[in-house]
Amino acid sequence: MPLFRELRAWQVAKQLAVECTKAAQVFPGGIRHPLAEQLLRAAYSVPLNTAEGCGRRGARELRRFLDIARGSLLEVESALAIARELGYVPPQQFARLDALTSETGKTLWGLLRKVSERARP
């Protein structure tokens, strides 16, 4: 199993979580705003599930946790879109977060494909 800290997918997901935290701090009510809380739960879930999958035994478990991380990433995308529509995230910041979300998705998908290929007999 790969060491999670060395994975580009984990590194990018961690950066996304940090940037989402910074964005959520300026929501009305700060990080206690319901949308901010959901955004942060989902954003933290991406690197956390990636790391947890690396700590499990076997490619099947890693794939399962990477799938969970990808689902959480879609939650992040949705929460950011709502925050943008509500004016909580300025357009320039949203563009950076959107690009980071896209990069996170690509790296997770690439890792998932790599793990799946290795697991084939």
C-alpha atoms as a PDB file:
ATOM      1  CA  MET A   1       0.000   0.000   0.000  1.00  0.00           C
ATOM      2  CA  PRO A   2       1.223   3.493  -0.779  1.00  0.00           C
ATOM      3  CA  LEU A   3       2.189   5.889   1.968  1.00  0.00           C
ATOM      4  CA  PHE A   4      -0.615   8.416   1.854  1.00  0.00           C
ATOM      5  CA  ARG A   5       1.563  11.488   2.419  1.00  0.00           C
ATOM      6  CA  GLU A   6       3.477  10.692  -0.762  1.00  0.00           C
ATOM      7  CA  LEU A   7       0.350  10.516  -2.907  1.00  0.00           C
ATOM      8  CA  ARG A   8      -0.343  13.521  -5.099  1.00  0.00           C
ATOM      9  CA  ALA A   9      -4.062  12.788  -4.670  1.00  0.00           C
ATOM     10  CA  TRP A  10      -3.786  13.201  -0.893  1.00  0.00           C
ATOM     11  CA  GLN A  11      -1.609  16.310  -1.156  1.00  0.00           C
ATOM     12  CA  VAL A  12      -4.038  18.080  -3.487  1.00  0.00           C
ATOM     13  CA  ALA A  13      -7.051  16.983  -1.411  1.00  0.00           C
ATOM     14  CA  LYS A  14      -5.392  18.314   1.738  1.00  0.00           C
ATOM     15  CA  GLN A  15      -4.756  21.655   0.045  1.00  0.00           C
ATOM     16  CA  LEU A  16      -8.400  21.773  -1.048  1.00  0.00           C
ATOM     17  CA  ALA A  17      -9.499  21.186   2.548  1.00  0.00           C
ATOM     18  CA  VAL A  18      -7.260  24.027   3.742  1.00  0.00           C
ATOM     19  CA  GLU A  19      -8.560  26.405   1.070  1.00  0.00           C
ATOM     20  CA  CYS A  20     -12.182  25.478   1.793  1.00  0.00           C
ATOM     21  CA  THR A  21     -11.561  26.217   5.471  1.00  0.00           C
ATOM     22  CA  LYS A  22     -10.251  29.662   4.593  1.00  0.00           C
ATOM     23  CA  ALA A  23     -13.269  30.303   2.365  1.00  0.00           C
ATOM     24  CA  ALA A  24     -15.762  29.105   4.992  1.00  0.00           C
ATOM     25  CA  GLN A  25     -14.376  31.456   7.628  1.00  0.00           C
ATOM     26  CA  VAL A  26     -15.932  34.440   5.844  1.00  0.00           C
ATOM     27  CA  PHE A  27     -19.408  32.941   5.390  1.00  0.00           C
ATOM     28  CA  PRO A  28     -22.087  34.774   7.406  1.00  0.00           C
ATOM     29  CA  GLY A  29     -21.654  33.295  10.863  1.00  0.00           C
ATOM     30  CA  GLY A  30     -18.253  31.883   9.898  1.00  0.00           C
ATOM     31  CA  ILE A  31     -17.602  28.180  10.046  1.00  0.00           C
ATOM     32  CA  ARG A  32     -20.746  27.682  12.116  1.00  0.00           C
ATOM     33  CA  HIS A  33     -22.953  28.511   9.117  1.00  0.00           C
ATOM     34  CA  PRO A  34     -24.781  25.301   8.076  1.00  0.00           C
ATOM     35  CA  LEU A  35     -23.389  25.418   4.535  1.00  0.00           C
ATOM     36  CA  ALA A  36     -19.875  26.054   5.859  1.00  0.00           C
ATOM     37  CA  GLU A  37     -20.182  23.080   8.216  1.00  0.00           C
ATOM     38  CA  GLN A  38     -21.277  20.795   5.386  1.00  0.00           C
ATOM     39  CA  LEU A  39     -18.573  22.113   3.067  1.00  0.00           C
ATOM     40  CA  LEU A  40     -15.917  21.463   5.679  1.00  0.00           C
ATOM     41  CA  ARG A  41     -17.157  17.975   6.547  1.00  0.00           C
ATOM     42  CA  ALA A  42     -17.041  17.055   2.870  1.00  0.00           C
ATOM     43  CA  ALA A  43     -13.708  18.793   2.220  1.00  0.00           C
ATOM     44  CA  TYR A  44     -12.041  17.091   5.188  1.00  0.00           C
ATOM     45  CA  SER A  45     -13.496  13.754   4.148  1.00  0.00           C
ATOM     46  CA  VAL A  46     -11.546  13.702   0.878  1.00  0.00           C
ATOM     47  CA  PRO A  47      -7.981  13.557   2.279  1.00  0.00           C
ATOM     48  CA  LEU A  48      -9.088  11.651   5.378  1.00  0.00           C
ATOM     49  CA  ASN A  49     -10.693   8.840   3.385  1.00  0.00           C
ATOM     50  CA  THR A  50      -7.745   8.742   1.000  1.00  0.00           C
ATOM     51  CA  ALA A  51      -5.404   8.299   3.945  1.00  0.00           C
ATOM     52  CA  GLU A  52      -7.640   5.742   5.637  1.00  0.00           C
ATOM     53  CA  GLY A  53      -7.850   3.695   2.457  1.00  0.00           C
ATOM     54  CA  CYS A  54      -4.068   3.556   2.313  1.00  0.00           C
ATOM     55  CA  GLY A  55      -4.036   2.168   5.837  1.00  0.00           C
ATOM     56  CA  ARG A  56      -6.411  -0.667   5.030  1.00  0.00           C
ATOM     57  CA  ARG A  57      -5.424  -4.061   3.723  1.00  0.00           C
ATOM     58  CA  GLY A  58      -5.729  -4.672   0.036  1.00  0.00           C
ATOM     59  CA  ALA A  59      -6.624  -2.836  -3.121  1.00  0.00           C
ATOM     60  CA  ARG A  60     -10.332  -3.509  -2.666  1.00  0.00           C
ATOM     61  CA  GLU A  61     -10.444  -1.538   0.583  1.00  0.00           C
ATOM     62  CA  LEU A  62      -8.360   1.275  -0.896  1.00  0.00           C
ATOM     63  CA  ARG A  63     -10.747   1.501  -3.860  1.00  0.00           C
ATOM     64  CA  ARG A  64     -13.735   1.633  -1.510  1.00  0.00           C
ATOM     65  CA  PHE A  65     -12.286   4.553   0.448  1.00  0.00           C
ATOM     66  CA  LEU A  66     -11.235   6.359  -2.736  1.00  0.00           C
ATOM     67  CA  ASP A  67     -14.825   6.024  -3.961  1.00  0.00           C
ATOM     68  CA  ILE A  68     -16.027   7.596  -0.711  1.00  0.00           C
ATOM     69  CA  ALA A  69     -13.484  10.408  -1.174  1.00  0.00           C
ATOM     70  CA  ARG A  70     -14.760  11.008  -4.719  1.00  0.00           C
ATOM     71  CA  GLY A  71     -18.333  11.212  -3.431  1.00  0.00           C
ATOM     72  CA  SER A  72     -17.269  13.737  -0.816  1.00  0.00           C
ATOM     73  CA  LEU A  73     -15.537  15.745  -3.513  1.00  0.00           C
ATOM     74  CA  LEU A  74     -18.848  16.041  -5.361  1.00  0.00           C
ATOM     75  CA  GLU A  75     -20.373  17.376  -2.141  1.00  0.00           C
ATOM     76  CA  VAL A  76     -17.592  19.972  -2.004  1.00  0.00           C
ATOM     77  CA  GLU A  77     -18.328  21.010  -5.587  1.00  0.00           C
ATOM     78  CA  SER A  78     -22.038  21.356  -4.811  1.00  0.00           C
ATOM     79  CA  ALA A  79     -21.492  23.316  -1.597  1.00  0.00           C
ATOM     80  CA  LEU A  80     -19.087  25.679  -3.353  1.00  0.00           C
ATOM     81  CA  ALA A  81     -21.557  26.242  -6.184  1.00  0.00           C
ATOM     82  CA  ILE A  82     -24.270  27.121  -3.670  1.00  0.00           C
ATOM     83  CA  ALA A  83     -21.892  29.390  -1.745  1.00  0.00           C
ATOM     84  CA  ARG A  84     -20.979  31.170  -4.980  1.00  0.00           C
ATOM     85  CA  GLU A  85     -24.652  31.691  -5.859  1.00  0.00           C
ATOM     86  CA  LEU A  86     -25.273  33.123  -2.390  1.00  0.00           C
ATOM     87  CA  GLY A  87     -22.321  35.493  -2.750  1.00  0.00           C
ATOM     88  CA  TYR A  88     -20.322  33.893   0.065  1.00  0.00           C
ATOM     89  CA  VAL A  89     -17.360  33.123  -2.195  1.00  0.00           C
ATOM     90  CA  PRO A  90     -16.047  35.864  -4.488  1.00  0.00           C
ATOM     91  CA  PRO A  91     -15.637  34.916  -8.179  1.00  0.00           C
ATOM     92  CA  GLN A  92     -11.824  34.927  -8.120  1.00  0.00           C
ATOM     93  CA  GLN A  93     -11.675  32.717  -5.020  1.00  0.00           C
ATOM     94  CA  PHE A  94     -14.327  30.421  -6.474  1.00  0.00           C
ATOM     95  CA  ALA A  95     -12.262  30.035  -9.652  1.00  0.00           C
ATOM     96  CA  ARG A  96      -9.233  28.949  -7.577  1.00  0.00           C
ATOM     97  CA  LEU A  97     -11.326  26.533  -5.521  1.00  0.00           C
ATOM     98  CA  ASP A  98     -12.992  25.159  -8.635  1.00  0.00           C
ATOM     99  CA  ALA A  99      -9.602  24.534 -10.268  1.00  0.00           C
ATOM    100  CA  LEU A 100      -8.336  22.834  -7.110  1.00  0.00           C
ATOM    101  CA  THR A 101     -11.487  20.714  -6.942  1.00  0.00           C
ATOM    102  CA  SER A 102     -10.967  19.668 -10.544  1.00  0.00           C
ATOM    103  CA  GLU A 103      -7.324  18.784  -9.928  1.00  0.00           C
ATOM    104  CA  THR A 104      -8.318  16.792  -6.852  1.00  0.00           C
ATOM    105  CA  GLY A 105     -10.872  14.851  -8.878  1.00  0.00           C
ATOM    106  CA  LYS A 106      -8.363  14.064 -11.616  1.00  0.00           C
ATOM    107  CA  THR A 107      -5.731  12.846  -9.168  1.00  0.00           C
ATOM    108  CA  LEU A 108      -8.243  10.711  -7.269  1.00  0.00           C
ATOM    109  CA  TRP A 109      -9.544   9.208 -10.503  1.00  0.00           C
ATOM    110  CA  GLY A 110      -5.993   8.487 -11.662  1.00  0.00           C
ATOM    111  CA  LEU A 111      -5.136   6.803  -8.374  1.00  0.00           C
ATOM    112  CA  LEU A 112      -8.337   4.778  -8.479  1.00  0.00           C
ATOM    113  CA  ARG A 113      -7.555   3.584 -12.012  1.00  0.00           C
ATOM    114  CA  LYS A 114      -4.000   2.679 -11.016  1.00  0.00           C
ATOM    115  CA  VAL A 115      -5.158   0.713  -7.994  1.00  0.00           C
ATOM    116  CA  SER A 116      -7.836  -1.046 -10.050  1.00  0.00           C
ATOM    117  CA  GLU A 117      -5.309  -2.042 -12.750  1.00  0.00           C
ATOM    118  CA  ARG A 118      -2.950  -3.504 -10.155  1.00  0.00           C
ATOM    119  CA  ALA A 119      -5.768  -5.500  -8.599  1.00  0.00           C
ATOM    120  CA  ARG A 120      -6.631  -7.288 -11.853  1.00  0.00           C
ATOM    121  CA  PRO A 121      -5.414 -10.900 -12.091  1.00  0.00           C
END
